[in-house]
Amino acid sequence: MQRILDNYEELAEILNSSEKILFVHGKSANNFSRLSECLSSVSAKVFHFTGFTPNPKLEDAKTACESFMLNKCVFILTVGGALQLT
């Protein structure tokens, strides 16, 4: 289910209901201090995936899926442009 959130409190509430999260983002996501604070405040284990290349290939998506399964994540959080949402 895709959902767009209105605030960080709502995001934290959702993330706290998950044990493990795959956070898919580009390198610029590290510049969002409120998001970083939110992620560090949740009880869930957060795994970062930044392995998408420009004009991503199917292999990039397969690698992200492998990370999701290997780490036994139950939630995917994406931040950024269309690149992270492919």
C-alpha atoms as a PDB file:
ATOM      1  CA  MET A   1       0.000   0.000   0.000  1.00  0.00           C
ATOM      2  CA  GLN A   2       1.431   3.359  -1.000  1.00  0.00           C
ATOM      3  CA  ARG A   3       0.752   6.246   1.337  1.00  0.00           C
ATOM      4  CA  ILE A   4       1.866   9.874   1.444  1.00  0.00           C
ATOM      5  CA  LEU A   5       2.228  11.210   4.979  1.00  0.00           C
ATOM      6  CA  ASP A   6       1.561  14.701   6.282  1.00  0.00           C
ATOM      7  CA  ASN A   7       3.982  14.871   9.215  1.00  0.00           C
ATOM      8  CA  TYR A   8       6.882  13.186  11.009  1.00  0.00           C
ATOM      9  CA  GLU A   9       4.754  12.182  14.010  1.00  0.00           C
ATOM     10  CA  GLU A  10       2.545  10.101  11.736  1.00  0.00           C
ATOM     11  CA  LEU A  11       5.629   8.588  10.121  1.00  0.00           C
ATOM     12  CA  ALA A  12       7.155   7.685  13.507  1.00  0.00           C
ATOM     13  CA  GLU A  13       3.904   6.040  14.589  1.00  0.00           C
ATOM     14  CA  ILE A  14       3.844   3.857  11.476  1.00  0.00           C
ATOM     15  CA  LEU A  15       7.547   3.007  11.693  1.00  0.00           C
ATOM     16  CA  ASN A  16       7.238   2.028  15.342  1.00  0.00           C
ATOM     17  CA  SER A  17       4.697  -0.605  14.320  1.00  0.00           C
ATOM     18  CA  SER A  18       7.359  -2.337  12.186  1.00  0.00           C
ATOM     19  CA  GLU A  19      10.356  -4.312  13.403  1.00  0.00           C
ATOM     20  CA  LYS A  20      12.608  -3.808  10.377  1.00  0.00           C
ATOM     21  CA  ILE A  21      12.484  -1.121   7.697  1.00  0.00           C
ATOM     22  CA  LEU A  22      14.254  -0.835   4.364  1.00  0.00           C
ATOM     23  CA  PHE A  23      14.902   2.878   3.795  1.00  0.00           C
ATOM     24  CA  VAL A  24      15.472   3.487   0.075  1.00  0.00           C
ATOM     25  CA  HIS A  25      16.986   6.872  -0.672  1.00  0.00           C
ATOM     26  CA  GLY A  26      19.629   8.818  -2.495  1.00  0.00           C
ATOM     27  CA  LYS A  27      22.617  10.324  -0.745  1.00  0.00           C
ATOM     28  CA  SER A  28      20.855  13.696  -0.340  1.00  0.00           C
ATOM     29  CA  ALA A  29      18.348  12.186   2.121  1.00  0.00           C
ATOM     30  CA  ASN A  30      21.067  12.484   4.769  1.00  0.00           C
ATOM     31  CA  ASN A  31      20.556  16.259   4.576  1.00  0.00           C
ATOM     32  CA  PHE A  32      17.031  16.068   6.006  1.00  0.00           C
ATOM     33  CA  SER A  33      17.583  16.600   9.743  1.00  0.00           C
ATOM     34  CA  ARG A  34      13.922  16.122  10.738  1.00  0.00           C
ATOM     35  CA  LEU A  35      13.810  12.807   8.891  1.00  0.00           C
ATOM     36  CA  SER A  36      17.074  11.699  10.502  1.00  0.00           C
ATOM     37  CA  GLU A  37      15.687  12.605  13.931  1.00  0.00           C
ATOM     38  CA  CYS A  38      12.507  10.679  13.203  1.00  0.00           C
ATOM     39  CA  LEU A  39      14.383   7.572  12.099  1.00  0.00           C
ATOM     40  CA  SER A  40      16.691   7.639  15.103  1.00  0.00           C
ATOM     41  CA  SER A  41      13.703   7.940  17.466  1.00  0.00           C
ATOM     42  CA  VAL A  42      11.876   4.812  16.324  1.00  0.00           C
ATOM     43  CA  SER A  43      12.333   1.379  17.835  1.00  0.00           C
ATOM     44  CA  ALA A  44      12.537  -0.358  14.450  1.00  0.00           C
ATOM     45  CA  LYS A  45      15.857  -1.443  12.947  1.00  0.00           C
ATOM     46  CA  VAL A  46      16.490   0.666   9.832  1.00  0.00           C
ATOM     47  CA  PHE A  47      18.451  -0.728   6.880  1.00  0.00           C
ATOM     48  CA  HIS A  48      19.577   1.801   4.262  1.00  0.00           C
ATOM     49  CA  PHE A  49      19.626   1.088   0.540  1.00  0.00           C
ATOM     50  CA  THR A  50      21.241   3.669  -1.737  1.00  0.00           C
ATOM     51  CA  GLY A  51      22.332   1.316  -4.521  1.00  0.00           C
ATOM     52  CA  PHE A  52      20.309   2.757  -7.373  1.00  0.00           C
ATOM     53  CA  THR A  53      22.280   4.044 -10.332  1.00  0.00           C
ATOM     54  CA  PRO A  54      21.143   6.878 -12.628  1.00  0.00           C
ATOM     55  CA  ASN A  55      18.494   5.467 -14.976  1.00  0.00           C
ATOM     56  CA  PRO A  56      18.199   2.354 -12.789  1.00  0.00           C
ATOM     57  CA  LYS A  57      18.285  -1.075 -14.298  1.00  0.00           C
ATOM     58  CA  LEU A  58      16.347  -4.160 -13.278  1.00  0.00           C
ATOM     59  CA  GLU A  59      19.446  -5.376 -11.431  1.00  0.00           C
ATOM     60  CA  ASP A  60      19.224  -2.361  -9.089  1.00  0.00           C
ATOM     61  CA  ALA A  61      15.666  -3.311  -8.136  1.00  0.00           C
ATOM     62  CA  LYS A  62      16.668  -6.959  -7.692  1.00  0.00           C
ATOM     63  CA  THR A  63      19.488  -5.901  -5.363  1.00  0.00           C
ATOM     64  CA  ALA A  64      17.062  -3.801  -3.305  1.00  0.00           C
ATOM     65  CA  CYS A  65      14.655  -6.761  -3.104  1.00  0.00           C
ATOM     66  CA  GLU A  66      17.490  -9.017  -1.985  1.00  0.00           C
ATOM     67  CA  SER A  67      18.370  -6.539   0.774  1.00  0.00           C
ATOM     68  CA  PHE A  68      14.718  -6.426   1.845  1.00  0.00           C
ATOM     69  CA  MET A  69      14.500 -10.211   2.065  1.00  0.00           C
ATOM     70  CA  LEU A  70      17.951 -10.801   3.541  1.00  0.00           C
ATOM     71  CA  ASN A  71      17.286  -8.359   6.373  1.00  0.00           C
ATOM     72  CA  LYS A  72      13.721  -9.679   6.847  1.00  0.00           C
ATOM     73  CA  CYS A  73      12.223  -6.215   6.520  1.00  0.00           C
ATOM     74  CA  VAL A  74       8.485  -5.697   6.724  1.00  0.00           C
ATOM     75  CA  PHE A  75       8.258  -2.080   5.561  1.00  0.00           C
ATOM     76  CA  ILE A  76       9.801   0.012   2.770  1.00  0.00           C
ATOM     77  CA  LEU A  77      10.256   3.762   3.221  1.00  0.00           C
ATOM     78  CA  THR A  78      11.292   5.705   0.126  1.00  0.00           C
ATOM     79  CA  VAL A  79      12.435   9.312   0.037  1.00  0.00           C
ATOM     80  CA  GLY A  80      13.433  11.261  -3.020  1.00  0.00           C
ATOM     81  CA  GLY A  81      12.414  11.596  -6.600  1.00  0.00           C
ATOM     82  CA  ALA A  82      11.100   9.007  -9.005  1.00  0.00           C
ATOM     83  CA  LEU A  83      14.479   7.262  -8.983  1.00  0.00           C
ATOM     84  CA  GLN A  84      13.817   5.802  -5.519  1.00  0.00           C
ATOM     85  CA  LEU A  85      10.259   4.869  -6.370  1.00  0.00           C
ATOM     86  CA  THR A  86      11.029   2.677  -9.377  1.00  0.00           C
END
